[in-house]
Amino acid sequence: MHGFTEEDLILYLYKEISTEQSMLIEDALANDWALKEKFEVMSAAFNDLKKLSLSPRKSAVEKILQYASSSTQKLPSSV
């Protein structure tokens, strides 16, 4: 029994665990097919996330800029 959680596997994916813990997870992955299957699903999702390119819609940016412009015009000159 390994006792590794999904959080442990995520930390392993992001390389945010100790070398010792990493070796224990690697050993568990080599010997526990259910854990390996879960890890492979998480790893595929992790790799898909890295491929995403997110940015706001142009209309959202324009609205923010309009709001910023109009709100600065309302400020008193002493500010």
PDB file of N, CA and C in Angstrom:
ATOM      1  N   MET A   1       0.847  -1.198   0.000  1.00  0.00           N
ATOM      2  CA  MET A   1       0.000   0.000   0.000  1.00  0.00           C
ATOM      3  C   MET A   1       0.882   1.247   0.000  1.00  0.00           C
ATOM      4  N   HIS A   2       0.631   2.139  -0.913  1.00  0.00           N
ATOM      5  CA  HIS A   2       1.473   3.327  -1.082  1.00  0.00           C
ATOM      6  C   HIS A   2       0.949   4.523  -0.311  1.00  0.00           C
ATOM      7  N   GLY A   3      -0.325   4.746  -0.328  1.00  0.00           N
ATOM      8  CA  GLY A   3      -0.924   5.866   0.397  1.00  0.00           C
ATOM      9  C   GLY A   3      -0.726   7.227  -0.241  1.00  0.00           C
ATOM     10  N   PHE A   4      -0.360   7.266  -1.520  1.00  0.00           N
ATOM     11  CA  PHE A   4      -0.183   8.552  -2.185  1.00  0.00           C
ATOM     12  C   PHE A   4      -1.530   9.096  -2.642  1.00  0.00           C
ATOM     13  N   THR A   5      -1.712  10.391  -2.463  1.00  0.00           N
ATOM     14  CA  THR A   5      -2.955  11.046  -2.846  1.00  0.00           C
ATOM     15  C   THR A   5      -2.802  11.688  -4.219  1.00  0.00           C
ATOM     16  N   GLU A   6      -3.921  12.159  -4.744  1.00  0.00           N
ATOM     17  CA  GLU A   6      -3.868  12.894  -6.009  1.00  0.00           C
ATOM     18  C   GLU A   6      -3.011  14.140  -5.857  1.00  0.00           C
ATOM     19  N   GLU A   7      -3.080  14.755  -4.695  1.00  0.00           N
ATOM     20  CA  GLU A   7      -2.256  15.946  -4.445  1.00  0.00           C
ATOM     21  C   GLU A   7      -0.770  15.597  -4.524  1.00  0.00           C
ATOM     22  N   ASP A   8      -0.388  14.428  -3.997  1.00  0.00           N
ATOM     23  CA  ASP A   8       1.004  13.992  -4.092  1.00  0.00           C
ATOM     24  C   ASP A   8       1.427  13.841  -5.550  1.00  0.00           C
ATOM     25  N   LEU A   9       0.546  13.266  -6.353  1.00  0.00           N
ATOM     26  CA  LEU A   9       0.858  13.076  -7.769  1.00  0.00           C
ATOM     27  C   LEU A   9       0.974  14.410  -8.500  1.00  0.00           C
ATOM     28  N   ILE A  10       0.135  15.356  -8.138  1.00  0.00           N
ATOM     29  CA  ILE A  10       0.217  16.692  -8.749  1.00  0.00           C
ATOM     30  C   ILE A  10       1.538  17.363  -8.379  1.00  0.00           C
ATOM     31  N   LEU A  11       1.911  17.267  -7.109  1.00  0.00           N
ATOM     32  CA  LEU A  11       3.193  17.835  -6.681  1.00  0.00           C
ATOM     33  C   LEU A  11       4.348  17.170  -7.419  1.00  0.00           C
ATOM     34  N   TYR A  12       4.230  15.874  -7.652  1.00  0.00           N
ATOM     35  CA  TYR A  12       5.247  15.150  -8.410  1.00  0.00           C
ATOM     36  C   TYR A  12       5.314  15.660  -9.853  1.00  0.00           C
ATOM     37  N   LEU A  13       4.150  15.859 -10.465  1.00  0.00           N
ATOM     38  CA  LEU A  13       4.108  16.373 -11.837  1.00  0.00           C
ATOM     39  C   LEU A  13       4.797  17.737 -11.944  1.00  0.00           C
ATOM     40  N   TYR A  14       4.551  18.584 -10.952  1.00  0.00           N
ATOM     41  CA  TYR A  14       5.128  19.937 -10.962  1.00  0.00           C
ATOM     42  C   TYR A  14       6.541  19.979 -10.378  1.00  0.00           C
ATOM     43  N   LYS A  15       7.050  18.799 -10.003  1.00  0.00           N
ATOM     44  CA  LYS A  15       8.402  18.695  -9.417  1.00  0.00           C
ATOM     45  C   LYS A  15       8.546  19.576  -8.181  1.00  0.00           C
ATOM     46  N   GLU A  16       7.542  19.518  -7.333  1.00  0.00           N
ATOM     47  CA  GLU A  16       7.537  20.320  -6.115  1.00  0.00           C
ATOM     48  C   GLU A  16       7.585  19.444  -4.867  1.00  0.00           C
ATOM     49  N   ILE A  17       8.294  18.315  -4.964  1.00  0.00           N
ATOM     50  CA  ILE A  17       8.467  17.431  -3.814  1.00  0.00           C
ATOM     51  C   ILE A  17       9.942  17.101  -3.668  1.00  0.00           C
ATOM     52  N   SER A  18      10.293  16.531  -2.535  1.00  0.00           N
ATOM     53  CA  SER A  18      11.684  16.181  -2.282  1.00  0.00           C
ATOM     54  C   SER A  18      12.114  15.024  -3.179  1.00  0.00           C
ATOM     55  N   THR A  19      13.401  14.870  -3.308  1.00  0.00           N
ATOM     56  CA  THR A  19      13.953  13.766  -4.098  1.00  0.00           C
ATOM     57  C   THR A  19      13.533  12.433  -3.497  1.00  0.00           C
ATOM     58  N   GLU A  20      13.544  12.341  -2.188  1.00  0.00           N
ATOM     59  CA  GLU A  20      13.146  11.101  -1.509  1.00  0.00           C
ATOM     60  C   GLU A  20      11.689  10.753  -1.814  1.00  0.00           C
ATOM     61  N   GLN A  21      10.819  11.730  -1.683  1.00  0.00           N
ATOM     62  CA  GLN A  21       9.390  11.518  -1.965  1.00  0.00           C
ATOM     63  C   GLN A  21       9.191  11.162  -3.442  1.00  0.00           C
ATOM     64  N   SER A  22       9.940  11.799  -4.307  1.00  0.00           N
ATOM     65  CA  SER A  22       9.858  11.518  -5.736  1.00  0.00           C
ATOM     66  C   SER A  22      10.243  10.071  -6.019  1.00  0.00           C
ATOM     67  N   MET A  23      11.280   9.576  -5.380  1.00  0.00           N
ATOM     68  CA  MET A  23      11.712   8.189  -5.565  1.00  0.00           C
ATOM     69  C   MET A  23      10.655   7.212  -5.055  1.00  0.00           C
ATOM     70  N   LEU A  24      10.012   7.555  -3.947  1.00  0.00           N
ATOM     71  CA  LEU A  24       8.955   6.697  -3.413  1.00  0.00           C
ATOM     72  C   LEU A  24       7.765   6.623  -4.375  1.00  0.00           C
ATOM     73  N   ILE A  25       7.416   7.758  -4.957  1.00  0.00           N
ATOM     74  CA  ILE A  25       6.307   7.774  -5.919  1.00  0.00           C
ATOM     75  C   ILE A  25       6.675   6.978  -7.158  1.00  0.00           C
ATOM     76  N   GLU A  26       7.889   7.147  -7.651  1.00  0.00           N
ATOM     77  CA  GLU A  26       8.324   6.395  -8.825  1.00  0.00           C
ATOM     78  C   GLU A  26       8.290   4.887  -8.570  1.00  0.00           C
ATOM     79  N   ASP A  27       8.688   4.483  -7.370  1.00  0.00           N
ATOM     80  CA  ASP A  27       8.633   3.072  -7.007  1.00  0.00           C
ATOM     81  C   ASP A  27       7.185   2.583  -6.962  1.00  0.00           C
ATOM     82  N   ALA A  28       6.321   3.385  -6.379  1.00  0.00           N
ATOM     83  CA  ALA A  28       4.899   3.021  -6.296  1.00  0.00           C
ATOM     84  C   ALA A  28       4.274   2.946  -7.684  1.00  0.00           C
ATOM     85  N   LEU A  29       4.649   3.872  -8.569  1.00  0.00           N
ATOM     86  CA  LEU A  29       4.119   3.854  -9.936  1.00  0.00           C
ATOM     87  C   LEU A  29       4.567   2.593 -10.690  1.00  0.00           C
ATOM     88  N   ALA A  30       5.761   2.127 -10.389  1.00  0.00           N
ATOM     89  CA  ALA A  30       6.273   0.927 -11.058  1.00  0.00           C
ATOM     90  C   ALA A  30       5.583  -0.339 -10.571  1.00  0.00           C
ATOM     91  N   ASN A  31       5.012  -0.300  -9.359  1.00  0.00           N
ATOM     92  CA  ASN A  31       4.456  -1.508  -8.758  1.00  0.00           C
ATOM     93  C   ASN A  31       2.949  -1.504  -8.575  1.00  0.00           C
ATOM     94  N   ASP A  32       2.298  -0.387  -8.789  1.00  0.00           N
ATOM     95  CA  ASP A  32       0.851  -0.292  -8.559  1.00  0.00           C
ATOM     96  C   ASP A  32       0.177   0.186  -9.841  1.00  0.00           C
ATOM     97  N   TRP A  33      -0.457  -0.737 -10.559  1.00  0.00           N
ATOM     98  CA  TRP A  33      -1.034  -0.387 -11.860  1.00  0.00           C
ATOM     99  C   TRP A  33      -2.170   0.616 -11.726  1.00  0.00           C
ATOM    100  N   ALA A  34      -2.954   0.559 -10.641  1.00  0.00           N
ATOM    101  CA  ALA A  34      -4.063   1.508 -10.467  1.00  0.00           C
ATOM    102  C   ALA A  34      -3.524   2.932 -10.265  1.00  0.00           C
ATOM    103  N   LEU A  35      -2.475   3.044  -9.467  1.00  0.00           N
ATOM    104  CA  LEU A  35      -1.854   4.358  -9.258  1.00  0.00           C
ATOM    105  C   LEU A  35      -1.235   4.852 -10.550  1.00  0.00           C
ATOM    106  N   LYS A  36      -0.578   3.957 -11.289  1.00  0.00           N
ATOM    107  CA  LYS A  36       0.035   4.339 -12.563  1.00  0.00           C
ATOM    108  C   LYS A  36      -1.025   4.809 -13.554  1.00  0.00           C
ATOM    109  N   GLU A  37      -2.158   4.127 -13.587  1.00  0.00           N
ATOM    110  CA  GLU A  37      -3.238   4.528 -14.493  1.00  0.00           C
ATOM    111  C   GLU A  37      -3.770   5.913 -14.125  1.00  0.00           C
ATOM    112  N   LYS A  38      -3.969   6.140 -12.828  1.00  0.00           N
ATOM    113  CA  LYS A  38      -4.427   7.454 -12.366  1.00  0.00           C
ATOM    114  C   LYS A  38      -3.407   8.526 -12.725  1.00  0.00           C
ATOM    115  N   PHE A  39      -2.125   8.203 -12.517  1.00  0.00           N
ATOM    116  CA  PHE A  39      -1.065   9.163 -12.822  1.00  0.00           C
ATOM    117  C   PHE A  39      -1.019   9.476 -14.312  1.00  0.00           C
ATOM    118  N   GLU A  40      -1.188   8.473 -15.157  1.00  0.00           N
ATOM    119  CA  GLU A  40      -1.145   8.703 -16.603  1.00  0.00           C
ATOM    120  C   GLU A  40      -2.273   9.621 -17.064  1.00  0.00           C
ATOM    121  N   VAL A  41      -3.458   9.479 -16.467  1.00  0.00           N
ATOM    122  CA  VAL A  41      -4.574  10.370 -16.795  1.00  0.00           C
ATOM    123  C   VAL A  41      -4.242  11.803 -16.364  1.00  0.00           C
ATOM    124  N   MET A  42      -3.699  11.925 -15.148  1.00  0.00           N
ATOM    125  CA  MET A  42      -3.337  13.251 -14.640  1.00  0.00           C
ATOM    126  C   MET A  42      -2.212  13.859 -15.476  1.00  0.00           C
ATOM    127  N   SER A  43      -1.264  13.038 -15.883  1.00  0.00           N
ATOM    128  CA  SER A  43      -0.140  13.513 -16.671  1.00  0.00           C
ATOM    129  C   SER A  43      -0.602  14.004 -18.044  1.00  0.00           C
ATOM    130  N   ALA A  44      -1.536  13.275 -18.662  1.00  0.00           N
ATOM    131  CA  ALA A  44      -2.074  13.705 -19.956  1.00  0.00           C
ATOM    132  C   ALA A  44      -2.800  15.041 -19.821  1.00  0.00           C
ATOM    133  N   ALA A  45      -3.581  15.189 -18.760  1.00  0.00           N
ATOM    134  CA  ALA A  45      -4.289  16.455 -18.528  1.00  0.00           C
ATOM    135  C   ALA A  45      -3.292  17.584 -18.281  1.00  0.00           C
ATOM    136  N   PHE A  46      -2.256  17.303 -17.518  1.00  0.00           N
ATOM    137  CA  PHE A  46      -1.197  18.277 -17.229  1.00  0.00           C
ATOM    138  C   PHE A  46      -0.551  18.753 -18.531  1.00  0.00           C
ATOM    139  N   ASN A  47      -0.237  17.815 -19.412  1.00  0.00           N
ATOM    140  CA  ASN A  47       0.384  18.174 -20.695  1.00  0.00           C
ATOM    141  C   ASN A  47      -0.575  18.952 -21.588  1.00  0.00           C
ATOM    142  N   ASP A  48      -1.860  18.612 -21.553  1.00  0.00           N
ATOM    143  CA  ASP A  48      -2.849  19.368 -22.328  1.00  0.00           C
ATOM    144  C   ASP A  48      -2.966  20.800 -21.820  1.00  0.00           C
ATOM    145  N   LEU A  49      -2.893  20.988 -20.506  1.00  0.00           N
ATOM    146  CA  LEU A  49      -2.988  22.336 -19.930  1.00  0.00           C
ATOM    147  C   LEU A  49      -1.822  23.213 -20.381  1.00  0.00           C
ATOM    148  N   LYS A  50      -0.661  22.618 -20.513  1.00  0.00           N
ATOM    149  CA  LYS A  50       0.511  23.399 -20.933  1.00  0.00           C
ATOM    150  C   LYS A  50       0.356  23.916 -22.361  1.00  0.00           C
ATOM    151  N   LYS A  51      -0.486  23.262 -23.159  1.00  0.00           N
ATOM    152  CA  LYS A  51      -0.675  23.660 -24.554  1.00  0.00           C
ATOM    153  C   LYS A  51      -1.677  24.803 -24.708  1.00  0.00           C
ATOM    154  N   LEU A  52      -2.466  25.070 -23.669  1.00  0.00           N
ATOM    155  CA  LEU A  52      -3.492  26.108 -23.765  1.00  0.00           C
ATOM    156  C   LEU A  52      -2.875  27.494 -23.817  1.00  0.00           C
ATOM    157  N   SER A  53      -3.492  28.332 -24.594  1.00  0.00           N
ATOM    158  CA  SER A  53      -3.095  29.728 -24.668  1.00  0.00           C
ATOM    159  C   SER A  53      -4.343  30.556 -24.393  1.00  0.00           C
ATOM    160  N   LEU A  54      -4.372  31.152 -23.229  1.00  0.00           N
ATOM    161  CA  LEU A  54      -5.556  31.901 -22.826  1.00  0.00           C
ATOM    162  C   LEU A  54      -5.283  33.396 -22.868  1.00  0.00           C
ATOM    163  N   SER A  55      -6.267  34.130 -23.339  1.00  0.00           N
ATOM    164  CA  SER A  55      -6.186  35.585 -23.318  1.00  0.00           C
ATOM    165  C   SER A  55      -7.608  36.126 -23.296  1.00  0.00           C
ATOM    166  N   PRO A  56      -7.772  37.322 -22.733  1.00  0.00           N
ATOM    167  CA  PRO A  56      -9.122  37.888 -22.666  1.00  0.00           C
ATOM    168  C   PRO A  56      -9.619  38.300 -24.048  1.00  0.00           C
ATOM    169  N   ARG A  57     -10.931  38.349 -24.167  1.00  0.00           N
ATOM    170  CA  ARG A  57     -11.512  38.825 -25.426  1.00  0.00           C
ATOM    171  C   ARG A  57     -11.171  40.306 -25.611  1.00  0.00           C
ATOM    172  N   LYS A  58     -11.077  40.713 -26.852  1.00  0.00           N
ATOM    173  CA  LYS A  58     -10.749  42.104 -27.175  1.00  0.00           C
ATOM    174  C   LYS A  58     -11.800  43.046 -26.599  1.00  0.00           C
ATOM    175  N   SER A  59     -13.073  42.647 -26.631  1.00  0.00           N
ATOM    176  CA  SER A  59     -14.144  43.507 -26.108  1.00  0.00           C
ATOM    177  C   SER A  59     -13.996  43.713 -24.598  1.00  0.00           C
ATOM    178  N   ALA A  60     -13.522  42.698 -23.887  1.00  0.00           N
ATOM    179  CA  ALA A  60     -13.328  42.833 -22.442  1.00  0.00           C
ATOM    180  C   ALA A  60     -12.218  43.836 -22.139  1.00  0.00           C
ATOM    181  N   VAL A  61     -11.145  43.753 -22.888  1.00  0.00           N
ATOM    182  CA  VAL A  61     -10.029  44.685 -22.700  1.00  0.00           C
ATOM    183  C   VAL A  61     -10.481  46.104 -23.010  1.00  0.00           C
ATOM    184  N   GLU A  62     -11.242  46.286 -24.079  1.00  0.00           N
ATOM    185  CA  GLU A  62     -11.728  47.619 -24.448  1.00  0.00           C
ATOM    186  C   GLU A  62     -12.628  48.193 -23.363  1.00  0.00           C
ATOM    187  N   LYS A  63     -13.501  47.383 -22.782  1.00  0.00           N
ATOM    188  CA  LYS A  63     -14.381  47.868 -21.713  1.00  0.00           C
ATOM    189  C   LYS A  63     -13.582  48.294 -20.488  1.00  0.00           C
ATOM    190  N   ILE A  64     -12.567  47.527 -20.151  1.00  0.00           N
ATOM    191  CA  ILE A  64     -11.716  47.883 -19.007  1.00  0.00           C
ATOM    192  C   ILE A  64     -11.007  49.204 -19.268  1.00  0.00           C
ATOM    193  N   LEU A  65     -10.472  49.363 -20.471  1.00  0.00           N
ATOM    194  CA  LEU A  65      -9.780  50.607 -20.803  1.00  0.00           C
ATOM    195  C   LEU A  65     -10.737  51.799 -20.818  1.00  0.00           C
ATOM    196  N   GLN A  66     -11.956  51.594 -21.308  1.00  0.00           N
ATOM    197  CA  GLN A  66     -12.955  52.666 -21.295  1.00  0.00           C
ATOM    198  C   GLN A  66     -13.292  53.061 -19.868  1.00  0.00           C
ATOM    199  N   TYR A  67     -13.487  52.062 -19.005  1.00  0.00           N
ATOM    200  CA  TYR A  67     -13.813  52.345 -17.605  1.00  0.00           C
ATOM    201  C   TYR A  67     -12.663  53.098 -16.940  1.00  0.00           C
ATOM    202  N   ALA A  68     -11.432  52.653 -17.179  1.00  0.00           N
ATOM    203  CA  ALA A  68     -10.274  53.309 -16.581  1.00  0.00           C
ATOM    204  C   ALA A  68     -10.164  54.748 -17.056  1.00  0.00           C
ATOM    205  N   SER A  69     -10.410  54.964 -18.332  1.00  0.00           N
ATOM    206  CA  SER A  69     -10.329  56.316 -18.882  1.00  0.00           C
ATOM    207  C   SER A  69     -11.406  57.217 -18.284  1.00  0.00           C
ATOM    208  N   SER A  70     -12.629  56.709 -18.184  1.00  0.00           N
ATOM    209  CA  SER A  70     -13.721  57.540 -17.665  1.00  0.00           C
ATOM    210  C   SER A  70     -13.572  57.780 -16.166  1.00  0.00           C
ATOM    211  N   SER A  71     -13.026  56.820 -15.437  1.00  0.00           N
ATOM    212  CA  SER A  71     -12.902  57.013 -13.987  1.00  0.00           C
ATOM    213  C   SER A  71     -11.779  57.976 -13.652  1.00  0.00           C
ATOM    214  N   THR A  72     -10.741  58.066 -14.468  1.00  0.00           N
ATOM    215  CA  THR A  72      -9.676  59.024 -14.199  1.00  0.00           C
ATOM    216  C   THR A  72     -10.123  60.442 -14.525  1.00  0.00           C
ATOM    217  N   GLN A  73     -11.066  60.611 -15.441  1.00  0.00           N
ATOM    218  CA  GLN A  73     -11.575  61.933 -15.772  1.00  0.00           C
ATOM    219  C   GLN A  73     -12.416  62.499 -14.627  1.00  0.00           C
ATOM    220  N   LYS A  74     -12.977  61.624 -13.799  1.00  0.00           N
ATOM    221  CA  LYS A  74     -13.814  62.062 -12.677  1.00  0.00           C
ATOM    222  C   LYS A  74     -13.014  62.458 -11.443  1.00  0.00           C
ATOM    223  N   LEU A  75     -11.723  62.145 -11.428  1.00  0.00           N
ATOM    224  CA  LEU A  75     -10.891  62.456 -10.252  1.00  0.00           C
ATOM    225  C   LEU A  75     -10.652  63.955 -10.158  1.00  0.00           C
ATOM    226  N   PRO A  76     -10.650  64.471  -8.937  1.00  0.00           N
ATOM    227  CA  PRO A  76     -10.322  65.900  -8.772  1.00  0.00           C
ATOM    228  C   PRO A  76      -8.855  66.139  -9.151  1.00  0.00           C
ATOM    229  N   SER A  77      -8.544  67.306  -9.578  1.00  0.00           N
ATOM    230  CA  SER A  77      -7.198  67.613 -10.068  1.00  0.00           C
ATOM    231  C   SER A  77      -6.154  67.558  -8.960  1.00  0.00           C
ATOM    232  N   SER A  78      -6.557  67.626  -7.698  1.00  0.00           N
ATOM    233  CA  SER A  78      -5.589  67.608  -6.602  1.00  0.00           C
ATOM    234  C   SER A  78      -5.132  66.199  -6.262  1.00  0.00           C
ATOM    235  N   VAL A  79      -5.726  65.180  -6.881  1.00  0.00           N
ATOM    236  CA  VAL A  79      -5.349  63.796  -6.548  1.00  0.00           C
ATOM    237  C   VAL A  79      -4.204  63.331  -7.378  1.00  0.00           C
TER     238      VAL A  79
END
